[in-house]
Amino acid sequence: MPVAIITGGSKGLGRALGAALARRGWDLVLGARSAEVLGKTARELRGRYGTRVVAVAGDVTDAAHRGALVAAAGELGGLDVLVSNASALGSEPLVRLEALTLDGLRGALETNVVAALGLVQEALPLLRASAAGAVVTVSSDAATGAYPTWGGYGASKAALDQLSAVLGGEEPGLRVWAVDPGDMGTDLYTAAVPEDTEPRPDPEVVAPAFVRLLELRPASGRYTAAGLLDTDRRQGR
């Protein structure tokens, strides 16, 4: 069975993507900081879909945790897809750049960029050994749009986009996709903009776009979930 590592896998988009892959027979290594929530998610997915789901609690900025994620995948037989979904905002709630602490910006960059690269470096041997190795980095429209208060987070996601683009060029044997999932109703968004109570799509609505990427295996590059889902709708899927 194919194996995926998903960071930020205990809830939100990470959990939804884990469920979508487990439903298709994938084995999973899920990482997140809350051991309790992560363990509950792993048990639910394991019981519902019958696949192997390993929970590895820890912070993705910790090199030992990244090593444990990759080691767990190796014990499952290898690694086919690495999903860097864990994210930090830099400030909760978001603030204008004049008020963003430099430590907050460093925290966003450390989680969203430095840790993502560190995990790729750790996982490359297994990914290269896979017949269909792929890296998925979760981007944001804040990486390309100038939205007030989203500057620090957006800068970190723009850096992640560039890292992904270069990795795709350096690793022609892999697929490297940066994916903008669009607006979602997640705890991360609530923490970012707690005063915004407008209903937003559930992550379960977005997860099929990521699955579609794995099915189509287009060239490495940046994609939007909306674009991938629109393609499916035009094709009557």
C-alpha atoms as a PDB file:
ATOM      1  CA  MET A   1       0.000   0.000   0.000  1.00  0.00           C
ATOM      2  CA  PRO A   2       1.204   3.574  -0.633  1.00  0.00           C
ATOM      3  CA  VAL A   3       2.348   5.571   2.379  1.00  0.00           C
ATOM      4  CA  ALA A   4       1.874   9.264   3.153  1.00  0.00           C
ATOM      5  CA  ILE A   5       3.236  11.532   5.862  1.00  0.00           C
ATOM      6  CA  ILE A   6       0.903  14.398   6.752  1.00  0.00           C
ATOM      7  CA  THR A   7       2.009  17.100   9.185  1.00  0.00           C
ATOM      8  CA  GLY A   8      -0.695  18.996  10.984  1.00  0.00           C
ATOM      9  CA  GLY A   9      -2.645  15.781  10.575  1.00  0.00           C
ATOM     10  CA  SER A  10      -4.828  15.776  13.682  1.00  0.00           C
ATOM     11  CA  LYS A  11      -7.572  18.132  12.475  1.00  0.00           C
ATOM     12  CA  GLY A  12      -8.629  20.521   9.734  1.00  0.00           C
ATOM     13  CA  LEU A  13      -7.239  19.965   6.255  1.00  0.00           C
ATOM     14  CA  GLY A  14      -4.645  17.447   7.453  1.00  0.00           C
ATOM     15  CA  ARG A  15      -7.292  15.222   8.994  1.00  0.00           C
ATOM     16  CA  ALA A  16      -9.572  15.570   5.962  1.00  0.00           C
ATOM     17  CA  LEU A  17      -6.775  14.631   3.601  1.00  0.00           C
ATOM     18  CA  GLY A  18      -5.799  11.698   5.823  1.00  0.00           C
ATOM     19  CA  ALA A  19      -9.371  10.427   5.706  1.00  0.00           C
ATOM     20  CA  ALA A  20      -9.539  10.840   1.917  1.00  0.00           C
ATOM     21  CA  LEU A  21      -6.328   8.837   1.451  1.00  0.00           C
ATOM     22  CA  ALA A  22      -7.182   6.158   4.031  1.00  0.00           C
ATOM     23  CA  ARG A  23     -10.504   5.664   2.243  1.00  0.00           C
ATOM     24  CA  ARG A  24      -8.443   4.803  -0.843  1.00  0.00           C
ATOM     25  CA  GLY A  25      -6.253   2.318   1.002  1.00  0.00           C
ATOM     26  CA  TRP A  26      -3.280   4.500   1.894  1.00  0.00           C
ATOM     27  CA  ASP A  27      -1.258   3.909   5.039  1.00  0.00           C
ATOM     28  CA  LEU A  28      -0.559   7.085   6.992  1.00  0.00           C
ATOM     29  CA  VAL A  29       1.925   8.694   9.328  1.00  0.00           C
ATOM     30  CA  LEU A  30       0.241  11.640  10.997  1.00  0.00           C
ATOM     31  CA  GLY A  31       2.126  14.303  12.898  1.00  0.00           C
ATOM     32  CA  ALA A  32       0.793  17.067  15.166  1.00  0.00           C
ATOM     33  CA  ARG A  33       1.605  18.733  18.468  1.00  0.00           C
ATOM     34  CA  SER A  34      -1.395  17.561  20.518  1.00  0.00           C
ATOM     35  CA  ALA A  35      -0.869  13.895  21.352  1.00  0.00           C
ATOM     36  CA  GLU A  36      -4.435  13.511  22.600  1.00  0.00           C
ATOM     37  CA  VAL A  37      -6.164  14.938  19.520  1.00  0.00           C
ATOM     38  CA  LEU A  38      -3.732  13.217  17.177  1.00  0.00           C
ATOM     39  CA  GLY A  39      -4.232   9.840  18.838  1.00  0.00           C
ATOM     40  CA  LYS A  40      -7.997  10.180  18.594  1.00  0.00           C
ATOM     41  CA  THR A  41      -7.788  11.003  14.883  1.00  0.00           C
ATOM     42  CA  ALA A  42      -5.471   8.071  14.208  1.00  0.00           C
ATOM     43  CA  ARG A  43      -7.765   5.657  16.025  1.00  0.00           C
ATOM     44  CA  GLU A  44     -10.822   6.920  14.171  1.00  0.00           C
ATOM     45  CA  LEU A  45      -9.216   6.628  10.739  1.00  0.00           C
ATOM     46  CA  ARG A  46      -7.716   3.230  11.551  1.00  0.00           C
ATOM     47  CA  GLY A  47     -11.051   1.897  12.770  1.00  0.00           C
ATOM     48  CA  ARG A  48     -13.094   3.362   9.931  1.00  0.00           C
ATOM     49  CA  TYR A  49     -10.903   2.440   6.977  1.00  0.00           C
ATOM     50  CA  GLY A  50      -8.760  -0.454   8.198  1.00  0.00           C
ATOM     51  CA  THR A  51      -5.463   0.994   7.017  1.00  0.00           C
ATOM     52  CA  ARG A  52      -2.351   1.431   9.116  1.00  0.00           C
ATOM     53  CA  VAL A  53      -2.281   4.872  10.741  1.00  0.00           C
ATOM     54  CA  VAL A  54       0.682   5.821  12.912  1.00  0.00           C
ATOM     55  CA  ALA A  55       0.461   8.861  15.192  1.00  0.00           C
ATOM     56  CA  VAL A  56       3.729  10.675  15.914  1.00  0.00           C
ATOM     57  CA  ALA A  57       3.161  13.562  18.295  1.00  0.00           C
ATOM     58  CA  GLY A  58       5.612  16.445  18.292  1.00  0.00           C
ATOM     59  CA  ASP A  59       6.529  19.821  16.846  1.00  0.00           C
ATOM     60  CA  VAL A  60       7.657  19.859  13.226  1.00  0.00           C
ATOM     61  CA  THR A  61      10.330  22.426  14.113  1.00  0.00           C
ATOM     62  CA  ASP A  62      12.048  19.708  16.186  1.00  0.00           C
ATOM     63  CA  ALA A  63      14.564  17.731  14.127  1.00  0.00           C
ATOM     64  CA  ALA A  64      14.021  14.649  16.286  1.00  0.00           C
ATOM     65  CA  HIS A  65      10.294  14.761  15.532  1.00  0.00           C
ATOM     66  CA  ARG A  66      10.947  15.033  11.794  1.00  0.00           C
ATOM     67  CA  GLY A  67      13.255  12.056  12.012  1.00  0.00           C
ATOM     68  CA  ALA A  68      10.591  10.082  13.873  1.00  0.00           C
ATOM     69  CA  LEU A  69       8.002  10.826  11.162  1.00  0.00           C
ATOM     70  CA  VAL A  70      10.284   9.540   8.426  1.00  0.00           C
ATOM     71  CA  ALA A  71      11.350   6.524  10.480  1.00  0.00           C
ATOM     72  CA  ALA A  72       7.684   5.614  11.002  1.00  0.00           C
ATOM     73  CA  ALA A  73       7.098   5.768   7.254  1.00  0.00           C
ATOM     74  CA  GLY A  74      10.098   3.529   6.683  1.00  0.00           C
ATOM     75  CA  GLU A  75       8.650   0.981   9.083  1.00  0.00           C
ATOM     76  CA  LEU A  76       5.433   0.999   7.043  1.00  0.00           C
ATOM     77  CA  GLY A  77       7.442   0.134   3.935  1.00  0.00           C
ATOM     78  CA  GLY A  78       8.531   3.453   2.453  1.00  0.00           C
ATOM     79  CA  LEU A  79       7.195   6.879   1.573  1.00  0.00           C
ATOM     80  CA  ASP A  80       5.245   7.949  -1.495  1.00  0.00           C
ATOM     81  CA  VAL A  81       3.868  11.361  -0.527  1.00  0.00           C
ATOM     82  CA  LEU A  82       5.021  13.949   1.986  1.00  0.00           C
ATOM     83  CA  VAL A  83       2.411  16.594   2.829  1.00  0.00           C
ATOM     84  CA  SER A  84       3.713  19.682   4.640  1.00  0.00           C
ATOM     85  CA  ASN A  85       0.491  21.006   6.109  1.00  0.00           C
ATOM     86  CA  ALA A  86       1.583  22.194   9.579  1.00  0.00           C
ATOM     87  CA  SER A  87       1.443  25.996   9.713  1.00  0.00           C
ATOM     88  CA  ALA A  88       2.035  28.869  12.120  1.00  0.00           C
ATOM     89  CA  LEU A  89       0.462  32.315  11.752  1.00  0.00           C
ATOM     90  CA  GLY A  90       3.131  34.386  13.484  1.00  0.00           C
ATOM     91  CA  SER A  91       0.476  36.189  15.495  1.00  0.00           C
ATOM     92  CA  GLU A  92      -2.922  35.139  16.841  1.00  0.00           C
ATOM     93  CA  PRO A  93      -4.990  37.030  15.871  1.00  0.00           C
ATOM     94  CA  LEU A  94      -3.172  38.482  12.890  1.00  0.00           C
ATOM     95  CA  VAL A  95      -1.849  42.036  13.178  1.00  0.00           C
ATOM     96  CA  ARG A  96      -0.483  44.707  10.864  1.00  0.00           C
ATOM     97  CA  LEU A  97       3.212  44.521  10.058  1.00  0.00           C
ATOM     98  CA  GLU A  98       3.944  47.493  12.311  1.00  0.00           C
ATOM     99  CA  ALA A  99       2.753  45.399  15.262  1.00  0.00           C
ATOM    100  CA  LEU A 100       4.108  41.995  14.213  1.00  0.00           C
ATOM    101  CA  THR A 101       6.876  40.934  16.573  1.00  0.00           C
ATOM    102  CA  LEU A 102      10.050  39.722  14.954  1.00  0.00           C
ATOM    103  CA  ASP A 103       9.866  36.599  17.089  1.00  0.00           C
ATOM    104  CA  GLY A 104       6.406  35.975  15.668  1.00  0.00           C
ATOM    105  CA  LEU A 105       7.725  36.304  12.134  1.00  0.00           C
ATOM    106  CA  ARG A 106      10.632  34.008  12.950  1.00  0.00           C
ATOM    107  CA  GLY A 107       8.172  31.456  14.336  1.00  0.00           C
ATOM    108  CA  ALA A 108       6.103  31.481  11.141  1.00  0.00           C
ATOM    109  CA  LEU A 109       9.199  31.106   8.994  1.00  0.00           C
ATOM    110  CA  GLU A 110      10.590  28.345  11.225  1.00  0.00           C
ATOM    111  CA  THR A 111       7.401  26.267  11.013  1.00  0.00           C
ATOM    112  CA  ASN A 112       6.234  27.057   7.496  1.00  0.00           C
ATOM    113  CA  VAL A 113       9.571  27.122   5.664  1.00  0.00           C
ATOM    114  CA  VAL A 114      12.582  25.896   7.638  1.00  0.00           C
ATOM    115  CA  ALA A 115      10.842  22.861   9.125  1.00  0.00           C
ATOM    116  CA  ALA A 116       9.247  22.014   5.775  1.00  0.00           C
ATOM    117  CA  LEU A 117      12.681  21.937   4.139  1.00  0.00           C
ATOM    118  CA  GLY A 118      14.134  19.974   7.026  1.00  0.00           C
ATOM    119  CA  LEU A 119      11.441  17.328   6.630  1.00  0.00           C
ATOM    120  CA  VAL A 120      12.021  17.116   2.877  1.00  0.00           C
ATOM    121  CA  GLN A 121      15.752  16.664   3.452  1.00  0.00           C
ATOM    122  CA  GLU A 122      15.045  13.870   5.939  1.00  0.00           C
ATOM    123  CA  ALA A 123      12.545  12.172   3.621  1.00  0.00           C
ATOM    124  CA  LEU A 124      14.328  12.459   0.261  1.00  0.00           C
ATOM    125  CA  PRO A 125      15.937   9.001   0.296  1.00  0.00           C
ATOM    126  CA  LEU A 126      12.558   7.313   0.775  1.00  0.00           C
ATOM    127  CA  LEU A 127      10.802   9.603  -1.698  1.00  0.00           C
ATOM    128  CA  ARG A 128      13.433   8.973  -4.369  1.00  0.00           C
ATOM    129  CA  ALA A 129      13.048   5.224  -3.831  1.00  0.00           C
ATOM    130  CA  SER A 130       9.304   5.423  -4.501  1.00  0.00           C
ATOM    131  CA  ALA A 131       7.984   4.801  -8.001  1.00  0.00           C
ATOM    132  CA  ALA A 132       5.695   7.820  -7.546  1.00  0.00           C
ATOM    133  CA  GLY A 133       7.354  10.043  -4.958  1.00  0.00           C
ATOM    134  CA  ALA A 134       5.719  13.422  -4.389  1.00  0.00           C
ATOM    135  CA  VAL A 135       5.950  16.411  -2.070  1.00  0.00           C
ATOM    136  CA  VAL A 136       2.879  18.543  -1.378  1.00  0.00           C
ATOM    137  CA  THR A 137       3.283  21.896   0.354  1.00  0.00           C
ATOM    138  CA  VAL A 138       0.146  23.684   1.526  1.00  0.00           C
ATOM    139  CA  SER A 139       0.285  27.287   0.334  1.00  0.00           C
ATOM    140  CA  SER A 140      -2.185  30.164   0.644  1.00  0.00           C
ATOM    141  CA  ASP A 141      -3.590  32.988  -1.443  1.00  0.00           C
ATOM    142  CA  ALA A 142      -1.794  35.204   1.081  1.00  0.00           C
ATOM    143  CA  ALA A 143       1.426  34.105  -0.646  1.00  0.00           C
ATOM    144  CA  THR A 144       0.440  36.027  -3.779  1.00  0.00           C
ATOM    145  CA  GLY A 145      -2.039  38.674  -2.540  1.00  0.00           C
ATOM    146  CA  ALA A 146      -1.273  41.735  -0.410  1.00  0.00           C
ATOM    147  CA  TYR A 147      -3.870  41.363   2.343  1.00  0.00           C
ATOM    148  CA  PRO A 148      -3.647  43.647   5.375  1.00  0.00           C
ATOM    149  CA  THR A 149      -2.566  41.788   8.558  1.00  0.00           C
ATOM    150  CA  TRP A 150      -1.570  38.688   6.550  1.00  0.00           C
ATOM    151  CA  GLY A 151       1.939  39.988   5.777  1.00  0.00           C
ATOM    152  CA  GLY A 152       4.036  37.745   8.007  1.00  0.00           C
ATOM    153  CA  TYR A 153       2.085  34.574   7.262  1.00  0.00           C
ATOM    154  CA  GLY A 154       1.906  35.438   3.561  1.00  0.00           C
ATOM    155  CA  ALA A 155       5.651  36.069   3.405  1.00  0.00           C
ATOM    156  CA  SER A 156       6.317  32.638   4.909  1.00  0.00           C
ATOM    157  CA  LYS A 157       3.996  30.952   2.414  1.00  0.00           C
ATOM    158  CA  ALA A 158       5.577  32.863  -0.481  1.00  0.00           C
ATOM    159  CA  ALA A 159       8.961  31.584   0.675  1.00  0.00           C
ATOM    160  CA  LEU A 160       7.528  28.063   0.849  1.00  0.00           C
ATOM    161  CA  ASP A 161       6.221  28.424  -2.713  1.00  0.00           C
ATOM    162  CA  GLN A 162       9.676  29.391  -3.931  1.00  0.00           C
ATOM    163  CA  LEU A 163      11.285  26.526  -2.023  1.00  0.00           C
ATOM    164  CA  SER A 164       8.815  24.121  -3.632  1.00  0.00           C
ATOM    165  CA  ALA A 165       9.435  25.512  -7.110  1.00  0.00           C
ATOM    166  CA  VAL A 166      13.191  25.101  -6.787  1.00  0.00           C
ATOM    167  CA  LEU A 167      12.846  21.618  -5.307  1.00  0.00           C
ATOM    168  CA  GLY A 168      10.720  20.626  -8.297  1.00  0.00           C
ATOM    169  CA  GLY A 169      13.520  21.714 -10.615  1.00  0.00           C
ATOM    170  CA  GLU A 170      16.229  20.008  -8.584  1.00  0.00           C
ATOM    171  CA  GLU A 171      14.323  16.720  -8.212  1.00  0.00           C
ATOM    172  CA  PRO A 172      12.982  15.832 -11.688  1.00  0.00           C
ATOM    173  CA  GLY A 173      12.230  12.298 -10.531  1.00  0.00           C
ATOM    174  CA  LEU A 174       9.687  13.587  -8.024  1.00  0.00           C
ATOM    175  CA  ARG A 175       6.516  15.626  -8.281  1.00  0.00           C
ATOM    176  CA  VAL A 176       6.535  18.753  -6.107  1.00  0.00           C
ATOM    177  CA  TRP A 177       3.237  20.608  -5.834  1.00  0.00           C
ATOM    178  CA  ALA A 178       2.444  23.766  -3.904  1.00  0.00           C
ATOM    179  CA  VAL A 179      -1.319  23.879  -3.406  1.00  0.00           C
ATOM    180  CA  ASP A 180      -3.442  26.860  -2.394  1.00  0.00           C
ATOM    181  CA  PRO A 181      -6.497  25.295  -0.721  1.00  0.00           C
ATOM    182  CA  GLY A 182      -8.488  28.531  -0.631  1.00  0.00           C
ATOM    183  CA  ASP A 183     -10.717  29.651   2.216  1.00  0.00           C
ATOM    184  CA  MET A 184     -11.656  26.986   4.729  1.00  0.00           C
ATOM    185  CA  GLY A 185     -13.396  26.866   8.060  1.00  0.00           C
ATOM    186  CA  THR A 186     -10.491  25.738  10.246  1.00  0.00           C
ATOM    187  CA  ASP A 187      -9.133  26.461  13.709  1.00  0.00           C
ATOM    188  CA  LEU A 188      -6.186  28.214  12.031  1.00  0.00           C
ATOM    189  CA  TYR A 189      -8.473  30.673  10.256  1.00  0.00           C
ATOM    190  CA  THR A 190     -10.479  31.273  13.418  1.00  0.00           C
ATOM    191  CA  ALA A 191      -7.267  32.031  15.303  1.00  0.00           C
ATOM    192  CA  ALA A 192      -6.158  34.366  12.524  1.00  0.00           C
ATOM    193  CA  VAL A 193      -9.374  36.354  12.207  1.00  0.00           C
ATOM    194  CA  PRO A 194     -11.626  35.517  15.182  1.00  0.00           C
ATOM    195  CA  GLU A 195     -14.080  38.316  14.397  1.00  0.00           C
ATOM    196  CA  ASP A 196     -14.896  36.849  10.962  1.00  0.00           C
ATOM    197  CA  THR A 197     -17.897  34.591  11.464  1.00  0.00           C
ATOM    198  CA  GLU A 198     -18.818  34.172   7.795  1.00  0.00           C
ATOM    199  CA  PRO A 199     -19.324  30.466   6.961  1.00  0.00           C
ATOM    200  CA  ARG A 200     -16.458  28.956   4.977  1.00  0.00           C
ATOM    201  CA  PRO A 201     -16.051  25.586   3.218  1.00  0.00           C
ATOM    202  CA  ASP A 202     -15.192  22.581   5.337  1.00  0.00           C
ATOM    203  CA  PRO A 203     -11.767  21.021   4.695  1.00  0.00           C
ATOM    204  CA  GLU A 204     -13.552  17.847   3.558  1.00  0.00           C
ATOM    205  CA  VAL A 205     -14.770  19.802   0.518  1.00  0.00           C
ATOM    206  CA  VAL A 206     -11.194  20.758  -0.377  1.00  0.00           C
ATOM    207  CA  ALA A 207      -9.418  17.441   0.255  1.00  0.00           C
ATOM    208  CA  PRO A 208     -10.565  15.839  -3.059  1.00  0.00           C
ATOM    209  CA  ALA A 209      -8.473  18.401  -4.940  1.00  0.00           C
ATOM    210  CA  PHE A 210      -5.317  17.028  -3.331  1.00  0.00           C
ATOM    211  CA  VAL A 211      -6.378  13.469  -4.125  1.00  0.00           C
ATOM    212  CA  ARG A 212      -6.916  14.533  -7.726  1.00  0.00           C
ATOM    213  CA  LEU A 213      -3.319  15.741  -7.897  1.00  0.00           C
ATOM    214  CA  LEU A 214      -2.104  12.321  -6.826  1.00  0.00           C
ATOM    215  CA  GLU A 215      -4.288  10.679  -9.463  1.00  0.00           C
ATOM    216  CA  LEU A 216      -3.329  12.984 -12.348  1.00  0.00           C
ATOM    217  CA  ARG A 217       0.316  13.577 -11.369  1.00  0.00           C
ATOM    218  CA  PRO A 218       0.696  16.807 -13.353  1.00  0.00           C
ATOM    219  CA  ALA A 219       4.046  18.547 -13.673  1.00  0.00           C
ATOM    220  CA  SER A 220       5.584  20.045 -10.570  1.00  0.00           C
ATOM    221  CA  GLY A 221       4.238  23.525  -9.900  1.00  0.00           C
ATOM    222  CA  ARG A 222       1.710  25.644  -8.036  1.00  0.00           C
ATOM    223  CA  TYR A 223      -1.971  24.702  -8.158  1.00  0.00           C
ATOM    224  CA  THR A 224      -5.195  25.879  -6.561  1.00  0.00           C
ATOM    225  CA  ALA A 225      -7.767  23.534  -5.106  1.00  0.00           C
ATOM    226  CA  ALA A 226     -10.499  25.514  -6.853  1.00  0.00           C
ATOM    227  CA  GLY A 227      -8.837  24.997 -10.227  1.00  0.00           C
ATOM    228  CA  LEU A 228      -8.439  21.270  -9.687  1.00  0.00           C
ATOM    229  CA  LEU A 229     -12.038  20.871  -8.553  1.00  0.00           C
ATOM    230  CA  ASP A 230     -13.300  22.971 -11.481  1.00  0.00           C
ATOM    231  CA  THR A 231     -11.476  20.626 -13.867  1.00  0.00           C
ATOM    232  CA  ASP A 232     -13.287  17.674 -12.321  1.00  0.00           C
ATOM    233  CA  ARG A 233     -16.644  19.428 -12.590  1.00  0.00           C
ATOM    234  CA  ARG A 234     -16.058  20.284 -16.267  1.00  0.00           C
ATOM    235  CA  GLN A 235     -15.240  16.642 -16.901  1.00  0.00           C
ATOM    236  CA  GLY A 236     -18.386  15.528 -15.058  1.00  0.00           C
ATOM    237  CA  ARG A 237     -16.532  13.737 -12.266  1.00  0.00           C
END
